Amino acid sequence: MYIEKRISKADGLKSEHCALIAHAASRFKSDVFIIKGNKKVNAKSIMGLLSLNIKNNDLVFVNTSGDDEKLAMEKILTLL
């Protein structure tokens, strides 16, 4: 699955948000990636997520693939 999402958090994604996303993504068997611009990172990696420097109103893409990709996508989208 591949879905775009506009970030609406006033401060963008800070370390706390990235930790929550990475923890949630790690609970799924599926591969979960976040893409911003030309950079694609594993959503199970806090450092990878932080390296994207996601700010308010940024457009990102979420890519999931695997047995539980739909559930993973739903969870990650709620956290972004």
PDB file of N, CA and C in Angstrom:
ATOM      1  N   MET A   1       0.837  -1.179   0.000  1.00  0.00           N
ATOM      2  CA  MET A   1       0.000   0.000   0.000  1.00  0.00           C
ATOM      3  C   MET A   1       0.886   1.247   0.000  1.00  0.00           C
ATOM      4  N   TYR A   2       0.379   2.288  -0.604  1.00  0.00           N
ATOM      5  CA  TYR A   2       1.143   3.521  -0.739  1.00  0.00           C
ATOM      6  C   TYR A   2       0.170   4.684  -0.611  1.00  0.00           C
ATOM      7  N   ILE A   3       0.303   5.481   0.457  1.00  0.00           N
ATOM      8  CA  ILE A   3      -0.623   6.588   0.709  1.00  0.00           C
ATOM      9  C   ILE A   3       0.155   7.841   1.080  1.00  0.00           C
ATOM     10  N   GLU A   4      -0.317   8.988   0.573  1.00  0.00           N
ATOM     11  CA  GLU A   4       0.325  10.252   0.948  1.00  0.00           C
ATOM     12  C   GLU A   4      -0.406  10.866   2.130  1.00  0.00           C
ATOM     13  N   LYS A   5       0.346  11.614   2.931  1.00  0.00           N
ATOM     14  CA  LYS A   5      -0.215  12.231   4.147  1.00  0.00           C
ATOM     15  C   LYS A   5       0.443  13.592   4.355  1.00  0.00           C
ATOM     16  N   ARG A   6      -0.376  14.596   4.584  1.00  0.00           N
ATOM     17  CA  ARG A   6       0.117  15.937   4.911  1.00  0.00           C
ATOM     18  C   ARG A   6       0.216  16.020   6.428  1.00  0.00           C
ATOM     19  N   ILE A   7       1.378  16.414   6.933  1.00  0.00           N
ATOM     20  CA  ILE A   7       1.608  16.477   8.378  1.00  0.00           C
ATOM     21  C   ILE A   7       0.905  17.707   8.950  1.00  0.00           C
ATOM     22  N   SER A   8       0.135  17.500  10.020  1.00  0.00           N
ATOM     23  CA  SER A   8      -0.621  18.613  10.604  1.00  0.00           C
ATOM     24  C   SER A   8      -0.228  18.902  12.055  1.00  0.00           C
ATOM     25  N   LYS A   9       0.853  18.296  12.523  1.00  0.00           N
ATOM     26  CA  LYS A   9       1.327  18.592  13.880  1.00  0.00           C
ATOM     27  C   LYS A   9       2.059  19.937  13.842  1.00  0.00           C
ATOM     28  N   ALA A  10       1.677  20.844  14.720  1.00  0.00           N
ATOM     29  CA  ALA A  10       2.210  22.210  14.699  1.00  0.00           C
ATOM     30  C   ALA A  10       3.739  22.248  14.738  1.00  0.00           C
ATOM     31  N   ASP A  11       4.351  21.364  15.520  1.00  0.00           N
ATOM     32  CA  ASP A  11       5.807  21.349  15.646  1.00  0.00           C
ATOM     33  C   ASP A  11       6.472  20.311  14.743  1.00  0.00           C
ATOM     34  N   GLY A  12       5.708  19.677  13.875  1.00  0.00           N
ATOM     35  CA  GLY A  12       6.267  18.615  13.047  1.00  0.00           C
ATOM     36  C   GLY A  12       6.477  17.359  13.886  1.00  0.00           C
ATOM     37  N   LEU A  13       7.315  16.463  13.414  1.00  0.00           N
ATOM     38  CA  LEU A  13       7.573  15.225  14.152  1.00  0.00           C
ATOM     39  C   LEU A  13       8.837  15.372  14.986  1.00  0.00           C
ATOM     40  N   LYS A  14       8.646  15.422  16.279  1.00  0.00           N
ATOM     41  CA  LYS A  14       9.765  15.509  17.225  1.00  0.00           C
ATOM     42  C   LYS A  14      10.156  14.100  17.645  1.00  0.00           C
ATOM     43  N   SER A  15      11.162  13.986  18.489  1.00  0.00           N
ATOM     44  CA  SER A  15      11.673  12.676  18.891  1.00  0.00           C
ATOM     45  C   SER A  15      10.604  11.804  19.546  1.00  0.00           C
ATOM     46  N   GLU A  16       9.712  12.413  20.328  1.00  0.00           N
ATOM     47  CA  GLU A  16       8.662  11.626  20.982  1.00  0.00           C
ATOM     48  C   GLU A  16       7.734  10.991  19.957  1.00  0.00           C
ATOM     49  N   HIS A  17       7.368  11.778  18.933  1.00  0.00           N
ATOM     50  CA  HIS A  17       6.500  11.256  17.877  1.00  0.00           C
ATOM     51  C   HIS A  17       7.207  10.134  17.120  1.00  0.00           C
ATOM     52  N   CYS A  18       8.471  10.353  16.804  1.00  0.00           N
ATOM     53  CA  CYS A  18       9.239   9.353  16.065  1.00  0.00           C
ATOM     54  C   CYS A  18       9.358   8.054  16.860  1.00  0.00           C
ATOM     55  N   ALA A  19       9.533   8.169  18.161  1.00  0.00           N
ATOM     56  CA  ALA A  19       9.631   6.976  19.007  1.00  0.00           C
ATOM     57  C   ALA A  19       8.314   6.206  19.007  1.00  0.00           C
ATOM     58  N   LEU A  20       7.203   6.914  19.097  1.00  0.00           N
ATOM     59  CA  LEU A  20       5.892   6.258  19.069  1.00  0.00           C
ATOM     60  C   LEU A  20       5.646   5.558  17.731  1.00  0.00           C
ATOM     61  N   ILE A  21       6.002   6.221  16.644  1.00  0.00           N
ATOM     62  CA  ILE A  21       5.815   5.644  15.311  1.00  0.00           C
ATOM     63  C   ILE A  21       6.690   4.404  15.143  1.00  0.00           C
ATOM     64  N   ALA A  22       7.960   4.508  15.530  1.00  0.00           N
ATOM     65  CA  ALA A  22       8.880   3.376  15.394  1.00  0.00           C
ATOM     66  C   ALA A  22       8.415   2.189  16.236  1.00  0.00           C
ATOM     67  N   HIS A  23       7.962   2.464  17.449  1.00  0.00           N
ATOM     68  CA  HIS A  23       7.475   1.389  18.319  1.00  0.00           C
ATOM     69  C   HIS A  23       6.246   0.719  17.704  1.00  0.00           C
ATOM     70  N   ALA A  24       5.315   1.528  17.210  1.00  0.00           N
ATOM     71  CA  ALA A  24       4.103   0.978  16.590  1.00  0.00           C
ATOM     72  C   ALA A  24       4.436   0.180  15.341  1.00  0.00           C
ATOM     73  N   ALA A  25       5.313   0.711  14.498  1.00  0.00           N
ATOM     74  CA  ALA A  25       5.680   0.022  13.256  1.00  0.00           C
ATOM     75  C   ALA A  25       6.373  -1.313  13.546  1.00  0.00           C
ATOM     76  N   SER A  26       7.137  -1.353  14.618  1.00  0.00           N
ATOM     77  CA  SER A  26       7.874  -2.567  14.975  1.00  0.00           C
ATOM     78  C   SER A  26       6.952  -3.701  15.401  1.00  0.00           C
ATOM     79  N   ARG A  27       5.739  -3.392  15.749  1.00  0.00           N
ATOM     80  CA  ARG A  27       4.794  -4.422  16.180  1.00  0.00           C
ATOM     81  C   ARG A  27       4.169  -5.173  15.007  1.00  0.00           C
ATOM     82  N   PHE A  28       4.416  -4.702  13.787  1.00  0.00           N
ATOM     83  CA  PHE A  28       3.847  -5.342  12.601  1.00  0.00           C
ATOM     84  C   PHE A  28       4.896  -6.164  11.860  1.00  0.00           C
ATOM     85  N   LYS A  29       4.434  -7.229  11.219  1.00  0.00           N
ATOM     86  CA  LYS A  29       5.323  -8.058  10.398  1.00  0.00           C
ATOM     87  C   LYS A  29       5.696  -7.346   9.102  1.00  0.00           C
ATOM     88  N   SER A  30       4.791  -6.524   8.617  1.00  0.00           N
ATOM     89  CA  SER A  30       4.984  -5.836   7.340  1.00  0.00           C
ATOM     90  C   SER A  30       6.158  -4.867   7.372  1.00  0.00           C
ATOM     91  N   ASP A  31       6.713  -4.623   6.201  1.00  0.00           N
ATOM     92  CA  ASP A  31       7.700  -3.553   6.041  1.00  0.00           C
ATOM     93  C   ASP A  31       6.928  -2.239   6.034  1.00  0.00           C
ATOM     94  N   VAL A  32       7.465  -1.246   6.733  1.00  0.00           N
ATOM     95  CA  VAL A  32       6.816   0.065   6.801  1.00  0.00           C
ATOM     96  C   VAL A  32       7.878   1.124   6.513  1.00  0.00           C
ATOM     97  N   PHE A  33       7.632   1.926   5.490  1.00  0.00           N
ATOM     98  CA  PHE A  33       8.576   2.974   5.113  1.00  0.00           C
ATOM     99  C   PHE A  33       7.867   4.321   5.056  1.00  0.00           C
ATOM    100  N   ILE A  34       8.612   5.369   5.408  1.00  0.00           N
ATOM    101  CA  ILE A  34       8.149   6.749   5.271  1.00  0.00           C
ATOM    102  C   ILE A  34       9.065   7.410   4.247  1.00  0.00           C
ATOM    103  N   ILE A  35       8.458   8.116   3.302  1.00  0.00           N
ATOM    104  CA  ILE A  35       9.218   8.755   2.231  1.00  0.00           C
ATOM    105  C   ILE A  35       8.931  10.252   2.257  1.00  0.00           C
ATOM    106  N   LYS A  36      10.008  11.031   2.267  1.00  0.00           N
ATOM    107  CA  LYS A  36       9.890  12.491   2.172  1.00  0.00           C
ATOM    108  C   LYS A  36      10.898  12.944   1.128  1.00  0.00           C
ATOM    109  N   GLY A  37      10.390  13.581   0.088  1.00  0.00           N
ATOM    110  CA  GLY A  37      11.281  13.981  -1.003  1.00  0.00           C
ATOM    111  C   GLY A  37      11.876  12.747  -1.647  1.00  0.00           C
ATOM    112  N   ASN A  38      13.205  12.716  -1.733  1.00  0.00           N
ATOM    113  CA  ASN A  38      13.867  11.561  -2.345  1.00  0.00           C
ATOM    114  C   ASN A  38      14.485  10.632  -1.303  1.00  0.00           C
ATOM    115  N   LYS A  39      14.067  10.777  -0.036  1.00  0.00           N
ATOM    116  CA  LYS A  39      14.625   9.966   1.041  1.00  0.00           C
ATOM    117  C   LYS A  39      13.568   9.009   1.582  1.00  0.00           C
ATOM    118  N   LYS A  40      13.924   7.737   1.651  1.00  0.00           N
ATOM    119  CA  LYS A  40      13.026   6.685   2.130  1.00  0.00           C
ATOM    120  C   LYS A  40      13.670   6.021   3.337  1.00  0.00           C
ATOM    121  N   VAL A  41      12.937   5.984   4.464  1.00  0.00           N
ATOM    122  CA  VAL A  41      13.489   5.370   5.670  1.00  0.00           C
ATOM    123  C   VAL A  41      12.539   4.325   6.232  1.00  0.00           C
ATOM    124  N   ASN A  42      13.118   3.388   6.942  1.00  0.00           N
ATOM    125  CA  ASN A  42      12.343   2.360   7.626  1.00  0.00           C
ATOM    126  C   ASN A  42      11.654   3.012   8.824  1.00  0.00           C
ATOM    127  N   ALA A  43      10.336   2.897   8.897  1.00  0.00           N
ATOM    128  CA  ALA A  43       9.586   3.524   9.986  1.00  0.00           C
ATOM    129  C   ALA A  43       9.836   2.848  11.324  1.00  0.00           C
ATOM    130  N   LYS A  44      10.528   1.720  11.315  1.00  0.00           N
ATOM    131  CA  LYS A  44      10.851   1.023  12.559  1.00  0.00           C
ATOM    132  C   LYS A  44      12.124   1.585  13.188  1.00  0.00           C
ATOM    133  N   SER A  45      12.728   2.572  12.528  1.00  0.00           N
ATOM    134  CA  SER A  45      13.971   3.184  12.991  1.00  0.00           C
ATOM    135  C   SER A  45      13.732   4.620  13.469  1.00  0.00           C
ATOM    136  N   ILE A  46      13.924   4.844  14.750  1.00  0.00           N
ATOM    137  CA  ILE A  46      13.757   6.200  15.295  1.00  0.00           C
ATOM    138  C   ILE A  46      14.725   7.170  14.616  1.00  0.00           C
ATOM    139  N   MET A  47      15.962   6.752  14.489  1.00  0.00           N
ATOM    140  CA  MET A  47      16.963   7.636  13.875  1.00  0.00           C
ATOM    141  C   MET A  47      16.634   7.924  12.412  1.00  0.00           C
ATOM    142  N   GLY A  48      16.125   6.922  11.714  1.00  0.00           N
ATOM    143  CA  GLY A  48      15.718   7.131  10.330  1.00  0.00           C
ATOM    144  C   GLY A  48      14.612   8.161  10.235  1.00  0.00           C
ATOM    145  N   LEU A  49      13.625   8.040  11.103  1.00  0.00           N
ATOM    146  CA  LEU A  49      12.511   8.995  11.102  1.00  0.00           C
ATOM    147  C   LEU A  49      12.988  10.402  11.439  1.00  0.00           C
ATOM    148  N   LEU A  50      13.851  10.516  12.439  1.00  0.00           N
ATOM    149  CA  LEU A  50      14.376  11.831  12.808  1.00  0.00           C
ATOM    150  C   LEU A  50      15.158  12.464  11.657  1.00  0.00           C
ATOM    151  N   SER A  51      15.850  11.627  10.879  1.00  0.00           N
ATOM    152  CA  SER A  51      16.671  12.154   9.780  1.00  0.00           C
ATOM    153  C   SER A  51      15.829  12.796   8.678  1.00  0.00           C
ATOM    154  N   LEU A  52      14.540  12.481   8.628  1.00  0.00           N
ATOM    155  CA  LEU A  52      13.676  13.092   7.619  1.00  0.00           C
ATOM    156  C   LEU A  52      13.333  14.549   7.947  1.00  0.00           C
ATOM    157  N   ASN A  53      13.495  14.935   9.227  1.00  0.00           N
ATOM    158  CA  ASN A  53      13.233  16.315   9.646  1.00  0.00           C
ATOM    159  C   ASN A  53      11.856  16.784   9.159  1.00  0.00           C
ATOM    160  N   ILE A  54      10.829  16.035   9.530  1.00  0.00           N
ATOM    161  CA  ILE A  54       9.474  16.304   9.062  1.00  0.00           C
ATOM    162  C   ILE A  54       8.865  17.467   9.852  1.00  0.00           C
ATOM    163  N   LYS A  55       8.404  18.452   9.113  1.00  0.00           N
ATOM    164  CA  LYS A  55       7.834  19.667   9.696  1.00  0.00           C
ATOM    165  C   LYS A  55       6.329  19.741   9.395  1.00  0.00           C
ATOM    166  N   ASN A  56       5.656  20.658  10.089  1.00  0.00           N
ATOM    167  CA  ASN A  56       4.243  20.890   9.841  1.00  0.00           C
ATOM    168  C   ASN A  56       4.023  21.216   8.366  1.00  0.00           C
ATOM    169  N   ASN A  57       2.970  20.658   7.804  1.00  0.00           N
ATOM    170  CA  ASN A  57       2.554  20.870   6.415  1.00  0.00           C
ATOM    171  C   ASN A  57       3.429  20.150   5.389  1.00  0.00           C
ATOM    172  N   ASP A  58       4.417  19.376   5.814  1.00  0.00           N
ATOM    173  CA  ASP A  58       5.197  18.570   4.869  1.00  0.00           C
ATOM    174  C   ASP A  58       4.327  17.446   4.318  1.00  0.00           C
ATOM    175  N   LEU A  59       4.579  17.075   3.073  1.00  0.00           N
ATOM    176  CA  LEU A  59       3.890  15.952   2.460  1.00  0.00           C
ATOM    177  C   LEU A  59       4.819  14.740   2.523  1.00  0.00           C
ATOM    178  N   VAL A  60       4.340  13.661   3.123  1.00  0.00           N
ATOM    179  CA  VAL A  60       5.114  12.422   3.192  1.00  0.00           C
ATOM    180  C   VAL A  60       4.274  11.301   2.591  1.00  0.00           C
ATOM    181  N   PHE A  61       4.941  10.223   2.258  1.00  0.00           N
ATOM    182  CA  PHE A  61       4.277   9.036   1.735  1.00  0.00           C
ATOM    183  C   PHE A  61       4.572   7.883   2.677  1.00  0.00           C
ATOM    184  N   VAL A  62       3.561   7.078   2.926  1.00  0.00           N
ATOM    185  CA  VAL A  62       3.711   5.896   3.766  1.00  0.00           C
ATOM    186  C   VAL A  62       3.557   4.688   2.849  1.00  0.00           C
ATOM    187  N   ASN A  63       4.517   3.770   2.943  1.00  0.00           N
ATOM    188  CA  ASN A  63       4.506   2.564   2.123  1.00  0.00           C
ATOM    189  C   ASN A  63       4.565   1.355   3.038  1.00  0.00           C
ATOM    190  N   THR A  64       3.570   0.475   2.927  1.00  0.00           N
ATOM    191  CA  THR A  64       3.565  -0.754   3.714  1.00  0.00           C
ATOM    192  C   THR A  64       3.425  -1.939   2.775  1.00  0.00           C
ATOM    193  N   SER A  65       4.082  -3.043   3.133  1.00  0.00           N
ATOM    194  CA  SER A  65       3.913  -4.269   2.348  1.00  0.00           C
ATOM    195  C   SER A  65       4.149  -5.470   3.249  1.00  0.00           C
ATOM    196  N   GLY A  66       3.235  -6.415   3.149  1.00  0.00           N
ATOM    197  CA  GLY A  66       3.345  -7.621   3.953  1.00  0.00           C
ATOM    198  C   GLY A  66       1.988  -8.130   4.390  1.00  0.00           C
ATOM    199  N   ASP A  67       2.007  -9.123   5.266  1.00  0.00           N
ATOM    200  CA  ASP A  67       0.782  -9.796   5.703  1.00  0.00           C
ATOM    201  C   ASP A  67      -0.222  -8.883   6.387  1.00  0.00           C
ATOM    202  N   ASP A  68       0.268  -7.936   7.175  1.00  0.00           N
ATOM    203  CA  ASP A  68      -0.623  -7.051   7.931  1.00  0.00           C
ATOM    204  C   ASP A  68      -0.472  -5.592   7.496  1.00  0.00           C
ATOM    205  N   GLU A  69      -0.242  -5.402   6.203  1.00  0.00           N
ATOM    206  CA  GLU A  69       0.036  -4.054   5.693  1.00  0.00           C
ATOM    207  C   GLU A  69      -1.109  -3.071   5.912  1.00  0.00           C
ATOM    208  N   LYS A  70      -2.342  -3.538   5.813  1.00  0.00           N
ATOM    209  CA  LYS A  70      -3.483  -2.626   5.997  1.00  0.00           C
ATOM    210  C   LYS A  70      -3.547  -2.118   7.439  1.00  0.00           C
ATOM    211  N   LEU A  71      -3.394  -3.013   8.403  1.00  0.00           N
ATOM    212  CA  LEU A  71      -3.394  -2.614   9.807  1.00  0.00           C
ATOM    213  C   LEU A  71      -2.224  -1.685  10.114  1.00  0.00           C
ATOM    214  N   ALA A  72      -1.060  -2.002   9.561  1.00  0.00           N
ATOM    215  CA  ALA A  72       0.125  -1.166   9.773  1.00  0.00           C
ATOM    216  C   ALA A  72      -0.116   0.232   9.210  1.00  0.00           C
ATOM    217  N   MET A  73      -0.675   0.309   8.017  1.00  0.00           N
ATOM    218  CA  MET A  73      -0.944   1.605   7.392  1.00  0.00           C
ATOM    219  C   MET A  73      -1.905   2.427   8.244  1.00  0.00           C
ATOM    220  N   GLU A  74      -2.991   1.804   8.693  1.00  0.00           N
ATOM    221  CA  GLU A  74      -3.962   2.518   9.514  1.00  0.00           C
ATOM    222  C   GLU A  74      -3.332   3.082  10.774  1.00  0.00           C
ATOM    223  N   LYS A  75      -2.514   2.283  11.450  1.00  0.00           N
ATOM    224  CA  LYS A  75      -1.883   2.717  12.701  1.00  0.00           C
ATOM    225  C   LYS A  75      -0.926   3.871  12.463  1.00  0.00           C
ATOM    226  N   ILE A  76      -0.068   3.734  11.459  1.00  0.00           N
ATOM    227  CA  ILE A  76       0.945   4.775  11.186  1.00  0.00           C
ATOM    228  C   ILE A  76       0.261   6.084  10.784  1.00  0.00           C
ATOM    229  N   LEU A  77      -0.776   6.005   9.967  1.00  0.00           N
ATOM    230  CA  LEU A  77      -1.475   7.226   9.570  1.00  0.00           C
ATOM    231  C   LEU A  77      -2.103   7.947  10.761  1.00  0.00           C
ATOM    232  N   THR A  78      -2.567   7.200  11.758  1.00  0.00           N
ATOM    233  CA  THR A  78      -3.132   7.859  12.942  1.00  0.00           C
ATOM    234  C   THR A  78      -2.072   8.561  13.758  1.00  0.00           C
ATOM    235  N   LEU A  79      -0.827   8.093  13.676  1.00  0.00           N
ATOM    236  CA  LEU A  79       0.261   8.683  14.467  1.00  0.00           C
ATOM    237  C   LEU A  79       0.949   9.852  13.759  1.00  0.00           C
ATOM    238  N   LEU A  80       0.747   9.975  12.463  1.00  0.00           N
ATOM    239  CA  LEU A  80       1.410  11.073  11.733  1.00  0.00           C
ATOM    240  C   LEU A  80       0.641  12.367  11.865  1.00  0.00           C
TER     241      LEU A  80
END
